[in-house]
Protein backbone atom coordinates (compact mmCIF):
# COMPACT_ATOMS: atom_id res chain seq x y z
CA MET A 1 -134.33 -190.90 156.45
CA LYS A 2 -136.90 -189.17 154.22
CA ARG A 3 -134.10 -188.18 151.83
CA ILE A 4 -133.01 -191.80 151.50
CA TRP A 5 -136.55 -192.93 150.69
CA ALA A 6 -137.02 -190.06 148.26
CA ALA A 7 -133.74 -190.84 146.52
CA LEU A 8 -134.72 -194.49 146.29
CA ALA A 9 -138.15 -193.63 144.88
CA ILE A 10 -136.62 -191.28 142.30
CA SER A 11 -134.03 -193.88 141.29
CA LEU A 12 -136.80 -196.42 140.70
CA LEU A 13 -138.88 -194.10 138.50
CA PRO A 14 -137.15 -195.09 135.25
CA ILE A 15 -137.77 -198.76 136.03
CA CYS A 16 -141.43 -198.21 136.82
CA ALA A 17 -141.91 -195.89 133.87
CA THR A 18 -140.57 -198.43 131.39
CA ALA A 19 -142.71 -201.39 132.45
CA GLN A 20 -145.23 -202.33 129.78
CA ASP A 21 -148.85 -203.26 130.29
CA GLU A 22 -149.54 -206.85 129.32
CA PRO A 23 -150.94 -206.89 125.79
CA SER A 24 -153.93 -209.03 124.88
CA ASP A 25 -152.10 -210.62 121.94
CA TYR A 26 -148.55 -211.55 120.98
CA ARG A 27 -145.81 -208.99 120.49
CA MET A 28 -145.26 -208.92 116.72
CA ASP A 29 -142.11 -206.80 116.36
CA HIS A 30 -139.45 -204.90 118.32
CA TYR A 31 -138.79 -207.94 120.46
CA ARG A 32 -136.11 -206.28 122.61
CA GLY A 33 -137.40 -203.67 125.01
CA PRO A 34 -139.32 -203.23 128.25
CA VAL A 35 -141.56 -206.22 128.91
CA PRO A 36 -144.69 -206.57 131.05
CA THR A 37 -144.46 -207.42 134.73
CA THR A 38 -147.26 -209.97 134.39
CA LEU A 39 -148.24 -213.04 132.38
CA ALA A 40 -151.95 -213.85 132.56
CA GLY A 41 -152.35 -217.48 133.60
CA GLY A 42 -148.64 -217.90 134.30
CA THR A 43 -146.17 -217.06 137.03
CA VAL A 44 -143.44 -214.45 136.67
CA VAL A 45 -140.23 -215.39 138.50
CA GLY A 46 -136.93 -213.67 139.09
CA PRO A 47 -133.51 -215.30 138.93
CA GLU A 48 -133.54 -216.42 142.57
CA GLU A 49 -136.90 -218.20 142.25
CA ALA A 50 -135.85 -219.67 138.89
CA HIS A 51 -132.67 -220.97 140.50
CA ARG A 52 -134.71 -222.60 143.27
CA LEU A 53 -136.91 -224.30 140.65
CA TRP A 54 -133.81 -225.38 138.74
CA GLU A 55 -132.24 -226.88 141.87
CA GLU A 56 -135.45 -228.77 142.66
CA GLY A 57 -135.27 -230.33 139.19
CA ALA A 58 -139.02 -230.68 138.63
CA THR A 59 -139.40 -227.82 136.10
CA ALA A 60 -138.43 -228.03 132.43
CA PHE A 61 -136.36 -225.00 131.37
CA ILE A 62 -136.92 -223.83 127.79
CA ASP A 63 -134.63 -221.31 126.12
CA VAL A 64 -136.35 -219.55 123.22
CA LEU A 65 -133.54 -217.25 122.03
CA PRO A 66 -133.85 -216.93 118.25
CA GLN A 67 -131.11 -218.31 116.02
CA ALA A 68 -130.12 -216.63 112.78
CA PRO A 69 -130.41 -218.97 109.79
CA LYS A 70 -127.42 -219.70 107.59
CA PRO A 71 -127.73 -217.35 104.60
CA ALA A 72 -128.71 -219.28 101.48
CA ASN A 73 -126.52 -217.25 99.13
CA LEU A 74 -123.12 -217.55 100.80
CA PRO A 75 -120.28 -217.75 98.28
CA PRO A 76 -118.76 -221.22 97.88
CA GLY A 77 -116.10 -221.93 100.49
CA THR A 78 -117.52 -219.46 103.01
CA ILE A 79 -117.32 -220.81 106.54
CA TRP A 80 -120.52 -220.39 108.58
CA ARG A 81 -120.41 -220.71 112.32
CA ASP A 82 -123.51 -220.44 114.47
CA LYS A 83 -123.15 -218.10 117.42
CA PRO A 84 -122.63 -220.18 120.58
CA ARG A 85 -125.41 -220.05 123.18
CA ASN A 86 -124.60 -220.18 126.86
CA SER A 87 -127.75 -221.09 128.73
CA ILE A 88 -129.10 -222.52 131.93
CA PRO A 89 -127.74 -226.05 132.42
CA GLY A 90 -130.22 -228.72 131.40
CA ALA A 91 -132.38 -226.34 129.38
CA ILE A 92 -133.69 -227.29 125.98
CA TRP A 93 -133.15 -224.67 123.27
CA LEU A 94 -136.13 -224.16 120.97
CA PRO A 95 -135.06 -221.17 118.87
CA ASN A 96 -137.54 -218.98 117.02
CA VAL A 97 -140.68 -220.19 118.83
CA GLY A 98 -141.13 -216.79 120.49
CA TYR A 99 -141.99 -214.75 117.44
CA GLY A 100 -145.45 -213.21 117.41
CA ALA A 101 -146.60 -215.14 114.34
CA LEU A 102 -145.43 -218.70 113.71
CA ALA A 103 -145.61 -220.95 110.70
CA ASP A 104 -147.35 -224.28 111.26
CA VAL A 105 -144.00 -226.07 111.15
CA THR A 106 -142.71 -223.86 114.00
CA HIS A 107 -145.85 -224.45 116.07
CA ASP A 108 -145.30 -228.19 115.58
CA TYR A 109 -141.61 -227.86 116.54
CA PHE A 110 -142.55 -226.00 119.72
CA LYS A 111 -145.26 -228.50 120.64
CA ARG A 112 -142.89 -231.45 120.08
CA GLY A 113 -140.21 -229.77 122.21
CA LEU A 114 -142.68 -229.11 125.02
CA ALA A 115 -143.98 -232.68 124.83
CA LYS A 116 -140.42 -234.02 124.96
CA VAL A 117 -139.42 -232.16 128.14
CA THR A 118 -142.76 -232.82 129.87
CA ASN A 119 -143.28 -236.41 128.68
CA GLY A 120 -146.55 -235.19 127.20
CA ASP A 121 -147.87 -234.07 130.60
CA LYS A 122 -149.38 -230.60 130.26
CA THR A 123 -149.41 -230.22 134.06
CA HIS A 124 -145.61 -230.60 134.17
CA PRO A 125 -144.04 -227.21 135.07
CA VAL A 126 -142.21 -225.36 132.30
CA LEU A 127 -140.13 -222.18 132.51
CA MET A 128 -139.58 -219.94 129.46
CA PHE A 129 -136.63 -217.59 129.14
CA CYS A 130 -134.46 -215.77 126.63
CA LEU A 131 -132.50 -212.62 127.44
CA GLU A 132 -133.37 -209.63 129.59
CA GLU A 133 -136.15 -207.52 128.07
CA CYS A 134 -136.90 -210.11 125.40
CA TRP A 135 -140.49 -210.43 124.28
CA MET A 136 -139.70 -213.81 122.73
CA SER A 137 -139.90 -215.51 126.12
CA TRP A 138 -143.14 -213.72 127.02
CA ASN A 139 -144.67 -214.78 123.68
CA ALA A 140 -143.49 -218.38 124.16
CA ALA A 141 -144.87 -218.55 127.71
CA LYS A 142 -148.21 -217.14 126.53
CA ARG A 143 -148.25 -219.66 123.69
CA ALA A 144 -147.51 -222.59 126.05
CA LEU A 145 -150.52 -221.51 128.13
CA GLU A 146 -152.65 -221.44 124.97
CA TYR A 147 -151.40 -224.95 124.12
CA GLY A 148 -152.91 -226.06 127.43
CA TYR A 149 -149.89 -226.14 129.74
CA THR A 150 -151.09 -225.32 133.24
CA THR A 151 -147.89 -224.50 135.17
CA VAL A 152 -145.97 -221.97 133.12
CA TYR A 153 -143.21 -219.82 134.59
CA TRP A 154 -141.62 -216.87 132.83
CA LEU A 155 -138.17 -215.46 133.65
CA PRO A 156 -138.12 -211.93 132.17
CA GLU A 157 -134.46 -211.41 133.09
CA GLY A 158 -133.46 -214.50 131.10
CA THR A 159 -129.88 -215.67 131.06
CA ASP A 160 -128.71 -212.08 131.61
CA GLY A 161 -130.33 -211.98 135.04
CA TRP A 162 -129.39 -215.60 135.75
CA SER A 163 -125.69 -214.93 135.11
CA LEU A 164 -125.83 -211.67 137.10
CA TRP A 165 -126.49 -213.83 140.16
CA ASP A 166 -123.46 -215.91 139.15
CA TYR A 167 -125.56 -219.00 138.53
CA PRO A 168 -124.01 -221.55 136.16
CA LEU A 169 -124.29 -221.48 132.39
CA GLU A 170 -123.38 -224.10 129.81
CA GLN A 171 -123.15 -224.09 126.06
CA ILE A 172 -126.17 -225.70 124.40
CA THR A 173 -127.28 -226.42 120.86
CA PRO A 174 -130.77 -226.11 119.41
CA GLU A 175 -133.17 -229.01 119.60
CA GLU A 176 -133.20 -230.61 116.17
CA PRO A 177 -136.50 -230.40 114.29
CA GLN A 178 -138.14 -233.77 113.75
CA PRO A 179 -140.00 -234.47 110.50
């Protein structure tokens, strides 16, 4: 029995060793990598808890996976196709709001998206996600807290962890920016 526990402890060492301490500010670069296990002021959930919240239908799910812009200097006649995004059904996709530094227009876009899915109620629960080990979702959740949202969930495993549990995914498109 001791060997089993020792083997389990040793197998978990890489996981424990890669966890990051929660920084005091936003992650500014290297957005893919080990993420913290905490979110000050928010609630960290795994795929099973996120699925329960999704089934209850009272939490707004917000996908913050970045989207590459169409290159401005494409030769005439070049076909550009955005990469499809399979996400949690019913989620709103607000790409690029998880970077560490945002332009005012991106802050406004994020705030409008949050207001849309919460009907302007900052007590309405929101859940931020991206991919596994994606700092974008941590940054976005931290930012939502700073905007005054009081019930903020963060799913560090993102759609990778969600799909691992064989929960449904659907193709979504980004929320259009409003002038």
